Amino acid sequence: EPNLGSIFIGLILGLALGTIPIHIPGMESPI
C-alpha cells in the first residue's frame, strides 16, 4: 500500500523550498 500522504506532504515542502530566494553576493536579483 503506497504511502501517498508522505508523497504529497513532501511535494508541498519541495515546492515551498523551490520558491525561497537565494541571494548571491554581487547579484541584485536572487535565484
PDB file of all heavy atoms in Angstrom:
ATOM      1  N   GLU A   1       0.851  -1.190   0.000  1.00  0.00           N
ATOM      2  CA  GLU A   1       0.000   0.000   0.000  1.00  0.00           C
ATOM      3  C   GLU A   1       0.890   1.244   0.000  1.00  0.00           C
ATOM      4  O   GLU A   1       1.574   1.523   0.976  1.00  0.00           O
ATOM      5  CB  GLU A   1      -0.900   0.005   1.231  1.00  0.00           C
ATOM      6  CG  GLU A   1      -1.840  -1.183   1.312  1.00  0.00           C
ATOM      7  CD  GLU A   1      -2.667  -1.188   2.580  1.00  0.00           C
ATOM      8  OE1 GLU A   1      -2.548  -0.201   3.347  1.00  0.00           O
ATOM      9  OE2 GLU A   1      -3.407  -2.157   2.802  1.00  0.00           O
ATOM     10  N   PRO A   2       0.931   1.995  -1.118  1.00  0.00           N
ATOM     11  CA  PRO A   2       1.815   3.172  -1.188  1.00  0.00           C
ATOM     12  C   PRO A   2       1.429   4.233  -0.181  1.00  0.00           C
ATOM     13  O   PRO A   2       0.241   4.476   0.065  1.00  0.00           O
ATOM     14  CB  PRO A   2       1.630   3.676  -2.631  1.00  0.00           C
ATOM     15  CG  PRO A   2       0.302   3.137  -3.052  1.00  0.00           C
ATOM     16  CD  PRO A   2       0.134   1.822  -2.344  1.00  0.00           C
ATOM     17  N   ASN A   3       2.424   4.843   0.410  1.00  0.00           N
ATOM     18  CA  ASN A   3       2.193   5.874   1.428  1.00  0.00           C
ATOM     19  C   ASN A   3       2.040   7.230   0.736  1.00  0.00           C
ATOM     20  O   ASN A   3       2.962   8.040   0.683  1.00  0.00           O
ATOM     21  CB  ASN A   3       3.371   5.882   2.408  1.00  0.00           C
ATOM     22  CG  ASN A   3       3.063   6.677   3.657  1.00  0.00           C
ATOM     23  OD1 ASN A   3       1.972   7.232   3.798  1.00  0.00           O
ATOM     24  ND2 ASN A   3       4.004   6.736   4.556  1.00  0.00           N
ATOM     25  N   LEU A   4       0.852   7.500   0.204  1.00  0.00           N
ATOM     26  CA  LEU A   4       0.625   8.705  -0.596  1.00  0.00           C
ATOM     27  C   LEU A   4       0.695   9.970   0.243  1.00  0.00           C
ATOM     28  O   LEU A   4       1.085  11.031  -0.264  1.00  0.00           O
ATOM     29  CB  LEU A   4      -0.739   8.618  -1.295  1.00  0.00           C
ATOM     30  CG  LEU A   4      -0.870   7.549  -2.386  1.00  0.00           C
ATOM     31  CD1 LEU A   4      -2.278   7.548  -2.943  1.00  0.00           C
ATOM     32  CD2 LEU A   4       0.133   7.794  -3.503  1.00  0.00           C
ATOM     33  N   GLY A   5       0.336   9.875   1.520  1.00  0.00           N
ATOM     34  CA  GLY A   5       0.350  11.068   2.361  1.00  0.00           C
ATOM     35  C   GLY A   5       1.721  11.695   2.439  1.00  0.00           C
ATOM     36  O   GLY A   5       1.876  12.919   2.295  1.00  0.00           O
ATOM     37  N   SER A   6       2.762  10.865   2.628  1.00  0.00           N
ATOM     38  CA  SER A   6       4.125  11.396   2.735  1.00  0.00           C
ATOM     39  C   SER A   6       4.586  12.004   1.420  1.00  0.00           C
ATOM     40  O   SER A   6       5.373  12.953   1.408  1.00  0.00           O
ATOM     41  CB  SER A   6       5.090  10.293   3.173  1.00  0.00           C
ATOM     42  OG  SER A   6       5.199   9.293   2.166  1.00  0.00           O
ATOM     43  N   ILE A   7       4.088  11.464   0.310  1.00  0.00           N
ATOM     44  CA  ILE A   7       4.489  11.993  -1.001  1.00  0.00           C
ATOM     45  C   ILE A   7       3.965  13.412  -1.188  1.00  0.00           C
ATOM     46  O   ILE A   7       4.703  14.320  -1.608  1.00  0.00           O
ATOM     47  CB  ILE A   7       3.990  11.061  -2.124  1.00  0.00           C
ATOM     48  CG1 ILE A   7       4.755   9.729  -2.075  1.00  0.00           C
ATOM     49  CG2 ILE A   7       4.151  11.724  -3.494  1.00  0.00           C
ATOM     50  CD1 ILE A   7       4.236   8.704  -3.032  1.00  0.00           C
ATOM     51  N   PHE A   8       2.696  13.633  -0.864  1.00  0.00           N
ATOM     52  CA  PHE A   8       2.132  14.963  -1.092  1.00  0.00           C
ATOM     53  C   PHE A   8       2.620  15.973  -0.063  1.00  0.00           C
ATOM     54  O   PHE A   8       2.784  17.157  -0.382  1.00  0.00           O
ATOM     55  CB  PHE A   8       0.607  14.873  -1.115  1.00  0.00           C
ATOM     56  CG  PHE A   8       0.068  14.288  -2.385  1.00  0.00           C
ATOM     57  CD1 PHE A   8      -0.347  12.971  -2.433  1.00  0.00           C
ATOM     58  CD2 PHE A   8       0.034  15.032  -3.545  1.00  0.00           C
ATOM     59  CE1 PHE A   8      -0.815  12.415  -3.610  1.00  0.00           C
ATOM     60  CE2 PHE A   8      -0.433  14.499  -4.734  1.00  0.00           C
ATOM     61  CZ  PHE A   8      -0.861  13.173  -4.768  1.00  0.00           C
ATOM     62  N   ILE A   9       2.874  15.520   1.161  1.00  0.00           N
ATOM     63  CA  ILE A   9       3.473  16.430   2.139  1.00  0.00           C
ATOM     64  C   ILE A   9       4.862  16.853   1.677  1.00  0.00           C
ATOM     65  O   ILE A   9       5.232  18.035   1.723  1.00  0.00           O
ATOM     66  CB  ILE A   9       3.529  15.759   3.525  1.00  0.00           C
ATOM     67  CG1 ILE A   9       2.129  15.600   4.094  1.00  0.00           C
ATOM     68  CG2 ILE A   9       4.387  16.596   4.487  1.00  0.00           C
ATOM     69  CD1 ILE A   9       2.076  14.814   5.389  1.00  0.00           C
ATOM     70  N   GLY A  10       5.641  15.875   1.221  1.00  0.00           N
ATOM     71  CA  GLY A  10       6.984  16.185   0.732  1.00  0.00           C
ATOM     72  C   GLY A  10       6.958  17.072  -0.495  1.00  0.00           C
ATOM     73  O   GLY A  10       7.813  17.950  -0.663  1.00  0.00           O
ATOM     74  N   LEU A  11       5.967  16.856  -1.361  1.00  0.00           N
ATOM     75  CA  LEU A  11       5.844  17.689  -2.565  1.00  0.00           C
ATOM     76  C   LEU A  11       5.560  19.139  -2.192  1.00  0.00           C
ATOM     77  O   LEU A  11       6.117  20.068  -2.785  1.00  0.00           O
ATOM     78  CB  LEU A  11       4.743  17.134  -3.461  1.00  0.00           C
ATOM     79  CG  LEU A  11       4.545  17.801  -4.822  1.00  0.00           C
ATOM     80  CD1 LEU A  11       5.825  17.753  -5.639  1.00  0.00           C
ATOM     81  CD2 LEU A  11       3.408  17.121  -5.583  1.00  0.00           C
ATOM     82  N   ILE A  12       4.697  19.349  -1.195  1.00  0.00           N
ATOM     83  CA  ILE A  12       4.406  20.715  -0.718  1.00  0.00           C
ATOM     84  C   ILE A  12       5.689  21.369  -0.201  1.00  0.00           C
ATOM     85  O   ILE A  12       6.010  22.515  -0.544  1.00  0.00           O
ATOM     86  CB  ILE A  12       3.341  20.680   0.397  1.00  0.00           C
ATOM     87  CG1 ILE A  12       1.991  20.253  -0.172  1.00  0.00           C
ATOM     88  CG2 ILE A  12       3.216  22.056   1.062  1.00  0.00           C
ATOM     89  CD1 ILE A  12       0.938  19.999   0.889  1.00  0.00           C
ATOM     90  N   LEU A  13       6.426  20.627   0.629  1.00  0.00           N
ATOM     91  CA  LEU A  13       7.669  21.172   1.187  1.00  0.00           C
ATOM     92  C   LEU A  13       8.692  21.446   0.090  1.00  0.00           C
ATOM     93  O   LEU A  13       9.417  22.451   0.146  1.00  0.00           O
ATOM     94  CB  LEU A  13       8.245  20.188   2.209  1.00  0.00           C
ATOM     95  CG  LEU A  13       7.389  19.923   3.463  1.00  0.00           C
ATOM     96  CD1 LEU A  13       8.021  18.844   4.326  1.00  0.00           C
ATOM     97  CD2 LEU A  13       7.206  21.204   4.265  1.00  0.00           C
ATOM     98  N   GLY A  14       8.753  20.570  -0.920  1.00  0.00           N
ATOM     99  CA  GLY A  14       9.701  20.770  -2.013  1.00  0.00           C
ATOM    100  C   GLY A  14       9.388  21.993  -2.839  1.00  0.00           C
ATOM    101  O   GLY A  14      10.282  22.772  -3.197  1.00  0.00           O
ATOM    102  N   LEU A  15       8.114  22.196  -3.164  1.00  0.00           N
ATOM    103  CA  LEU A  15       7.724  23.381  -3.932  1.00  0.00           C
ATOM    104  C   LEU A  15       7.962  24.653  -3.124  1.00  0.00           C
ATOM    105  O   LEU A  15       8.371  25.684  -3.675  1.00  0.00           O
ATOM    106  CB  LEU A  15       6.256  23.275  -4.343  1.00  0.00           C
ATOM    107  CG  LEU A  15       5.937  22.186  -5.373  1.00  0.00           C
ATOM    108  CD1 LEU A  15       4.440  22.038  -5.551  1.00  0.00           C
ATOM    109  CD2 LEU A  15       6.605  22.489  -6.715  1.00  0.00           C
ATOM    110  N   ALA A  16       7.707  24.579  -1.799  1.00  0.00           N
ATOM    111  CA  ALA A  16       7.989  25.734  -0.942  1.00  0.00           C
ATOM    112  C   ALA A  16       9.481  26.034  -0.925  1.00  0.00           C
ATOM    113  O   ALA A  16       9.902  27.204  -0.996  1.00  0.00           O
ATOM    114  CB  ALA A  16       7.481  25.476   0.481  1.00  0.00           C
ATOM    115  N   LEU A  17      10.300  24.985  -0.854  1.00  0.00           N
ATOM    116  CA  LEU A  17      11.755  25.173  -0.888  1.00  0.00           C
ATOM    117  C   LEU A  17      12.191  25.817  -2.199  1.00  0.00           C
ATOM    118  O   LEU A  17      13.088  26.673  -2.219  1.00  0.00           O
ATOM    119  CB  LEU A  17      12.452  23.821  -0.700  1.00  0.00           C
ATOM    120  CG  LEU A  17      13.981  23.806  -0.767  1.00  0.00           C
ATOM    121  CD1 LEU A  17      14.577  24.625   0.371  1.00  0.00           C
ATOM    122  CD2 LEU A  17      14.509  22.365  -0.716  1.00  0.00           C
ATOM    123  N   GLY A  18      11.550  25.435  -3.285  1.00  0.00           N
ATOM    124  CA  GLY A  18      11.921  25.983  -4.592  1.00  0.00           C
ATOM    125  C   GLY A  18      11.614  27.450  -4.761  1.00  0.00           C
ATOM    126  O   GLY A  18      12.164  28.104  -5.649  1.00  0.00           O
ATOM    127  N   THR A  19      10.723  28.000  -3.917  1.00  0.00           N
ATOM    128  CA  THR A  19      10.359  29.424  -4.045  1.00  0.00           C
ATOM    129  C   THR A  19      11.207  30.333  -3.156  1.00  0.00           C
ATOM    130  O   THR A  19      11.094  31.557  -3.246  1.00  0.00           O
ATOM    131  CB  THR A  19       8.882  29.636  -3.674  1.00  0.00           C
ATOM    132  OG1 THR A  19       8.673  29.232  -2.305  1.00  0.00           O
ATOM    133  CG2 THR A  19       7.971  28.821  -4.573  1.00  0.00           C
ATOM    134  N   ILE A  20      12.041  29.755  -2.286  1.00  0.00           N
ATOM    135  CA  ILE A  20      12.854  30.576  -1.377  1.00  0.00           C
ATOM    136  C   ILE A  20      13.931  31.322  -2.179  1.00  0.00           C
ATOM    137  O   ILE A  20      14.716  30.700  -2.897  1.00  0.00           O
ATOM    138  CB  ILE A  20      13.522  29.691  -0.302  1.00  0.00           C
ATOM    139  CG1 ILE A  20      12.457  29.034   0.576  1.00  0.00           C
ATOM    140  CG2 ILE A  20      14.483  30.520   0.553  1.00  0.00           C
ATOM    141  CD1 ILE A  20      13.021  28.061   1.590  1.00  0.00           C
ATOM    142  N   PRO A  21      13.993  32.654  -2.083  1.00  0.00           N
ATOM    143  CA  PRO A  21      15.028  33.404  -2.816  1.00  0.00           C
ATOM    144  C   PRO A  21      16.400  33.206  -2.176  1.00  0.00           C
ATOM    145  O   PRO A  21      16.550  33.247  -0.959  1.00  0.00           O
ATOM    146  CB  PRO A  21      14.564  34.861  -2.696  1.00  0.00           C
ATOM    147  CG  PRO A  21      13.728  34.885  -1.454  1.00  0.00           C
ATOM    148  CD  PRO A  21      13.079  33.549  -1.342  1.00  0.00           C
ATOM    149  N   ILE A  22      17.379  32.964  -3.012  1.00  0.00           N
ATOM    150  CA  ILE A  22      18.761  32.778  -2.552  1.00  0.00           C
ATOM    151  C   ILE A  22      19.584  33.946  -3.089  1.00  0.00           C
ATOM    152  O   ILE A  22      19.714  34.118  -4.307  1.00  0.00           O
ATOM    153  CB  ILE A  22      19.339  31.442  -3.052  1.00  0.00           C
ATOM    154  CG1 ILE A  22      18.467  30.274  -2.554  1.00  0.00           C
ATOM    155  CG2 ILE A  22      20.778  31.263  -2.577  1.00  0.00           C
ATOM    156  CD1 ILE A  22      18.874  28.928  -3.129  1.00  0.00           C
ATOM    157  N   HIS A  23      20.121  34.747  -2.196  1.00  0.00           N
ATOM    158  CA  HIS A  23      20.862  35.941  -2.589  1.00  0.00           C
ATOM    159  C   HIS A  23      22.349  35.600  -2.730  1.00  0.00           C
ATOM    160  O   HIS A  23      22.978  35.092  -1.803  1.00  0.00           O
ATOM    161  CB  HIS A  23      20.670  37.050  -1.565  1.00  0.00           C
ATOM    162  CG  HIS A  23      19.254  37.541  -1.471  1.00  0.00           C
ATOM    163  ND1 HIS A  23      18.758  38.536  -2.288  1.00  0.00           N
ATOM    164  CD2 HIS A  23      18.222  37.162  -0.662  1.00  0.00           C
ATOM    165  CE1 HIS A  23      17.481  38.749  -1.992  1.00  0.00           C
ATOM    166  NE2 HIS A  23      17.141  37.928  -1.015  1.00  0.00           N
ATOM    167  N   ILE A  24      22.861  35.882  -3.903  1.00  0.00           N
ATOM    168  CA  ILE A  24      24.279  35.647  -4.203  1.00  0.00           C
ATOM    169  C   ILE A  24      25.001  36.994  -4.180  1.00  0.00           C
ATOM    170  O   ILE A  24      24.549  37.943  -4.834  1.00  0.00           O
ATOM    171  CB  ILE A  24      24.466  34.975  -5.579  1.00  0.00           C
ATOM    172  CG1 ILE A  24      23.643  33.675  -5.654  1.00  0.00           C
ATOM    173  CG2 ILE A  24      25.931  34.693  -5.858  1.00  0.00           C
ATOM    174  CD1 ILE A  24      24.068  32.611  -4.678  1.00  0.00           C
ATOM    175  N   PRO A  25      26.103  37.125  -3.437  1.00  0.00           N
ATOM    176  CA  PRO A  25      26.845  38.397  -3.426  1.00  0.00           C
ATOM    177  C   PRO A  25      27.232  38.830  -4.841  1.00  0.00           C
ATOM    178  O   PRO A  25      27.718  38.031  -5.635  1.00  0.00           O
ATOM    179  CB  PRO A  25      28.088  38.061  -2.595  1.00  0.00           C
ATOM    180  CG  PRO A  25      27.668  36.922  -1.717  1.00  0.00           C
ATOM    181  CD  PRO A  25      26.713  36.118  -2.540  1.00  0.00           C
ATOM    182  N   GLY A  26      26.991  40.106  -5.137  1.00  0.00           N
ATOM    183  CA  GLY A  26      27.316  40.646  -6.454  1.00  0.00           C
ATOM    184  C   GLY A  26      26.157  40.596  -7.423  1.00  0.00           C
ATOM    185  O   GLY A  26      26.238  41.150  -8.513  1.00  0.00           O
ATOM    186  N   MET A  27      25.072  39.903  -7.059  1.00  0.00           N
ATOM    187  CA  MET A  27      23.895  39.817  -7.917  1.00  0.00           C
ATOM    188  C   MET A  27      22.715  40.469  -7.204  1.00  0.00           C
ATOM    189  O   MET A  27      22.391  40.094  -6.082  1.00  0.00           O
ATOM    190  CB  MET A  27      23.558  38.361  -8.251  1.00  0.00           C
ATOM    191  CG  MET A  27      24.589  37.656  -9.098  1.00  0.00           C
ATOM    192  SD  MET A  27      24.004  36.023  -9.604  1.00  0.00           S
ATOM    193  CE  MET A  27      25.436  35.462 -10.516  1.00  0.00           C
ATOM    194  N   GLU A  28      22.082  41.423  -7.869  1.00  0.00           N
ATOM    195  CA  GLU A  28      20.972  42.124  -7.247  1.00  0.00           C
ATOM    196  C   GLU A  28      19.685  41.301  -7.274  1.00  0.00           C
ATOM    197  O   GLU A  28      18.822  41.459  -6.423  1.00  0.00           O
ATOM    198  CB  GLU A  28      20.754  43.460  -7.952  1.00  0.00           C
ATOM    199  CG  GLU A  28      21.959  44.398  -7.818  1.00  0.00           C
ATOM    200  CD  GLU A  28      21.637  45.786  -8.321  1.00  0.00           C
ATOM    201  OE1 GLU A  28      20.445  46.111  -8.398  1.00  0.00           O
ATOM    202  OE2 GLU A  28      22.578  46.538  -8.627  1.00  0.00           O
ATOM    203  N   SER A  29      19.562  40.397  -8.250  1.00  0.00           N
ATOM    204  CA  SER A  29      18.364  39.559  -8.330  1.00  0.00           C
ATOM    205  C   SER A  29      18.650  38.202  -7.698  1.00  0.00           C
ATOM    206  O   SER A  29      19.634  37.543  -8.057  1.00  0.00           O
ATOM    207  CB  SER A  29      17.953  39.357  -9.798  1.00  0.00           C
ATOM    208  OG  SER A  29      17.659  40.603 -10.398  1.00  0.00           O
ATOM    209  N   PRO A  30      17.821  37.748  -6.757  1.00  0.00           N
ATOM    210  CA  PRO A  30      18.035  36.436  -6.139  1.00  0.00           C
ATOM    211  C   PRO A  30      17.691  35.317  -7.108  1.00  0.00           C
ATOM    212  O   PRO A  30      16.958  35.517  -8.085  1.00  0.00           O
ATOM    213  CB  PRO A  30      17.072  36.451  -4.951  1.00  0.00           C
ATOM    214  CG  PRO A  30      15.968  37.359  -5.382  1.00  0.00           C
ATOM    215  CD  PRO A  30      16.627  38.430  -6.220  1.00  0.00           C
ATOM    216  N   ILE A  31      18.224  34.148  -6.850  1.00  0.00           N
ATOM    217  CA  ILE A  31      17.883  32.971  -7.655  1.00  0.00           C
ATOM    218  C   ILE A  31      17.056  32.026  -6.800  1.00  0.00           C
ATOM    219  O   ILE A  31      17.057  32.100  -5.577  1.00  0.00           O
ATOM    220  CB  ILE A  31      19.141  32.264  -8.188  1.00  0.00           C
ATOM    221  CG1 ILE A  31      19.973  31.715  -7.022  1.00  0.00           C
ATOM    222  CG2 ILE A  31      19.974  33.198  -9.043  1.00  0.00           C
ATOM    223  CD1 ILE A  31      21.122  30.846  -7.492  1.00  0.00           C
TER     224      ILE A  31
END
